[in-house]
Amino acid sequence: MNKDYVIHTILLMIVTFMIYTRDKYNKIVNDFTNPTFLSFFILLLLFAYWGLYIEHEDERISHATGRALSGFIIAYLAHADLMFVAFIVIWVFVFHTGSQWV
C-alpha cells in the first residue's frame, strides 16, 4: 500500500473528527443553509471553474483564481474555528497539485 494514502487517510480522519465537533459542525450547517451564503458560494464555485478550467490566453487568471480559492478555504475554515484543518487541507492540496498557489 502506498504510504501517501495511509498518511492522507489518517489526515482525513483527523479532519472529520475536528469538523464533527458539535459547535463547528453547526456553524458550517448554518452557513450552508443560509440562502445568501449559499448563493455567493455557488457564484464563487462557478467563477473558480471559469478561472481554473476554461482556457485563457493570460495564465495569470488561473494563478490568481487558485490563490484566491486557497485564500477562501483558509478564511472559511478559520471562520469555522478550524485553523488546523486549514493547514491539513492546504497541505494535501499543494502535495497533490504541486502548485505554488498558496
Protein backbone atom coordinates (compact mmCIF):
# COMPACT_ATOMS: atom_id res chain seq x y z
CA MET A 1 0.00 0.00 0.00
CA ASN A 2 1.25 3.46 -0.87
CA LYS A 3 2.32 5.29 2.28
CA ASP A 4 0.90 8.58 0.92
CA TYR A 5 -2.59 7.08 1.00
CA VAL A 6 -2.10 5.98 4.60
CA ILE A 7 -0.98 9.47 5.62
CA HIS A 8 -3.89 11.08 3.78
CA THR A 9 -6.37 8.65 5.29
CA ILE A 10 -5.12 9.49 8.78
CA LEU A 11 -5.33 13.20 7.98
CA LEU A 12 -8.86 12.76 6.65
CA MET A 13 -9.88 11.00 9.86
CA ILE A 14 -8.42 13.87 11.93
CA VAL A 15 -10.24 16.46 9.79
CA THR A 16 -13.51 14.55 10.08
CA PHE A 17 -13.17 14.33 13.85
CA MET A 18 -12.40 18.05 14.12
CA ILE A 19 -15.34 19.08 11.91
CA TYR A 20 -17.89 16.96 13.73
CA THR A 21 -17.32 18.76 16.98
CA ARG A 22 -20.86 19.98 17.68
CA ASP A 23 -20.25 23.76 17.55
CA LYS A 24 -18.12 23.65 14.43
CA TYR A 25 -20.47 21.34 12.57
CA ASN A 26 -23.46 23.53 13.45
CA LYS A 27 -21.63 26.64 12.25
CA ILE A 28 -20.95 25.02 8.86
CA VAL A 29 -24.54 23.75 8.55
CA ASN A 30 -25.88 27.21 9.42
CA ASP A 31 -23.73 28.80 6.73
CA PHE A 32 -24.81 26.38 4.02
CA THR A 33 -28.50 26.67 4.93
CA ASN A 34 -28.30 30.47 4.69
CA PRO A 35 -29.57 31.38 1.17
CA THR A 36 -27.30 34.42 0.86
CA PHE A 37 -24.16 32.48 1.77
CA LEU A 38 -25.17 29.60 -0.48
CA SER A 39 -25.78 31.95 -3.43
CA PHE A 40 -22.38 33.59 -3.07
CA PHE A 41 -20.72 30.20 -2.59
CA ILE A 42 -22.25 28.90 -5.83
CA LEU A 43 -21.09 32.05 -7.64
CA LEU A 44 -17.61 31.52 -6.20
CA LEU A 45 -17.57 27.92 -7.47
CA LEU A 46 -18.71 28.99 -10.94
CA PHE A 47 -16.07 31.71 -11.07
CA ALA A 48 -13.40 29.29 -9.83
CA TYR A 49 -14.41 26.79 -12.53
CA TRP A 50 -14.15 29.53 -15.15
CA GLY A 51 -10.76 30.66 -13.85
CA LEU A 52 -9.24 27.21 -13.47
CA TYR A 53 -10.72 25.02 -16.20
CA ILE A 54 -11.58 27.34 -19.09
CA GLU A 55 -8.55 28.04 -21.25
CA HIS A 56 -7.33 31.64 -21.14
CA GLU A 57 -4.63 33.46 -23.06
CA ASP A 58 -3.37 35.04 -19.87
CA GLU A 59 -2.02 32.45 -17.44
CA ARG A 60 -2.35 34.91 -14.56
CA ILE A 61 -6.10 34.25 -14.46
CA SER A 62 -5.68 30.64 -13.37
CA HIS A 63 -2.92 31.53 -10.90
CA ALA A 64 -4.96 34.34 -9.36
CA THR A 65 -8.05 32.13 -9.17
CA GLY A 66 -6.11 29.33 -7.49
CA ARG A 67 -4.62 31.70 -4.93
CA ALA A 68 -8.00 33.28 -4.25
CA LEU A 69 -9.60 29.87 -3.85
CA SER A 70 -6.96 28.69 -1.39
CA GLY A 71 -7.36 32.01 0.46
CA PHE A 72 -11.11 31.46 0.66
CA ILE A 73 -10.60 27.94 2.00
CA ILE A 74 -8.23 29.24 4.69
CA ALA A 75 -10.56 32.11 5.63
CA TYR A 76 -13.67 29.95 5.75
CA LEU A 77 -12.06 27.27 7.87
CA ALA A 78 -10.76 29.98 10.23
CA HIS A 79 -14.31 31.38 10.39
CA ALA A 80 -15.48 27.92 11.44
CA ASP A 81 -12.67 27.76 14.06
CA LEU A 82 -10.89 25.02 12.12
CA MET A 83 -7.41 26.54 11.75
CA PHE A 84 -5.64 23.18 11.99
CA VAL A 85 -7.96 21.73 9.36
CA ALA A 86 -6.98 24.61 7.06
CA PHE A 87 -3.36 23.58 7.40
CA ILE A 88 -4.13 19.95 6.58
CA VAL A 89 -6.40 20.76 3.63
CA ILE A 90 -3.90 23.18 2.07
CA TRP A 91 -1.03 20.75 2.66
CA VAL A 92 -2.85 17.91 0.89
CA PHE A 93 -3.94 20.29 -1.90
CA VAL A 94 -0.39 21.51 -2.57
CA PHE A 95 1.00 17.97 -2.25
CA HIS A 96 -1.28 16.64 -4.96
CA THR A 97 -1.27 19.61 -7.32
CA GLY A 98 2.32 20.70 -6.82
CA SER A 99 1.01 24.22 -7.07
CA GLN A 100 2.59 27.40 -5.88
CA TRP A 101 -0.81 28.98 -5.29
CA VAL A 102 -0.57 29.29 -1.56
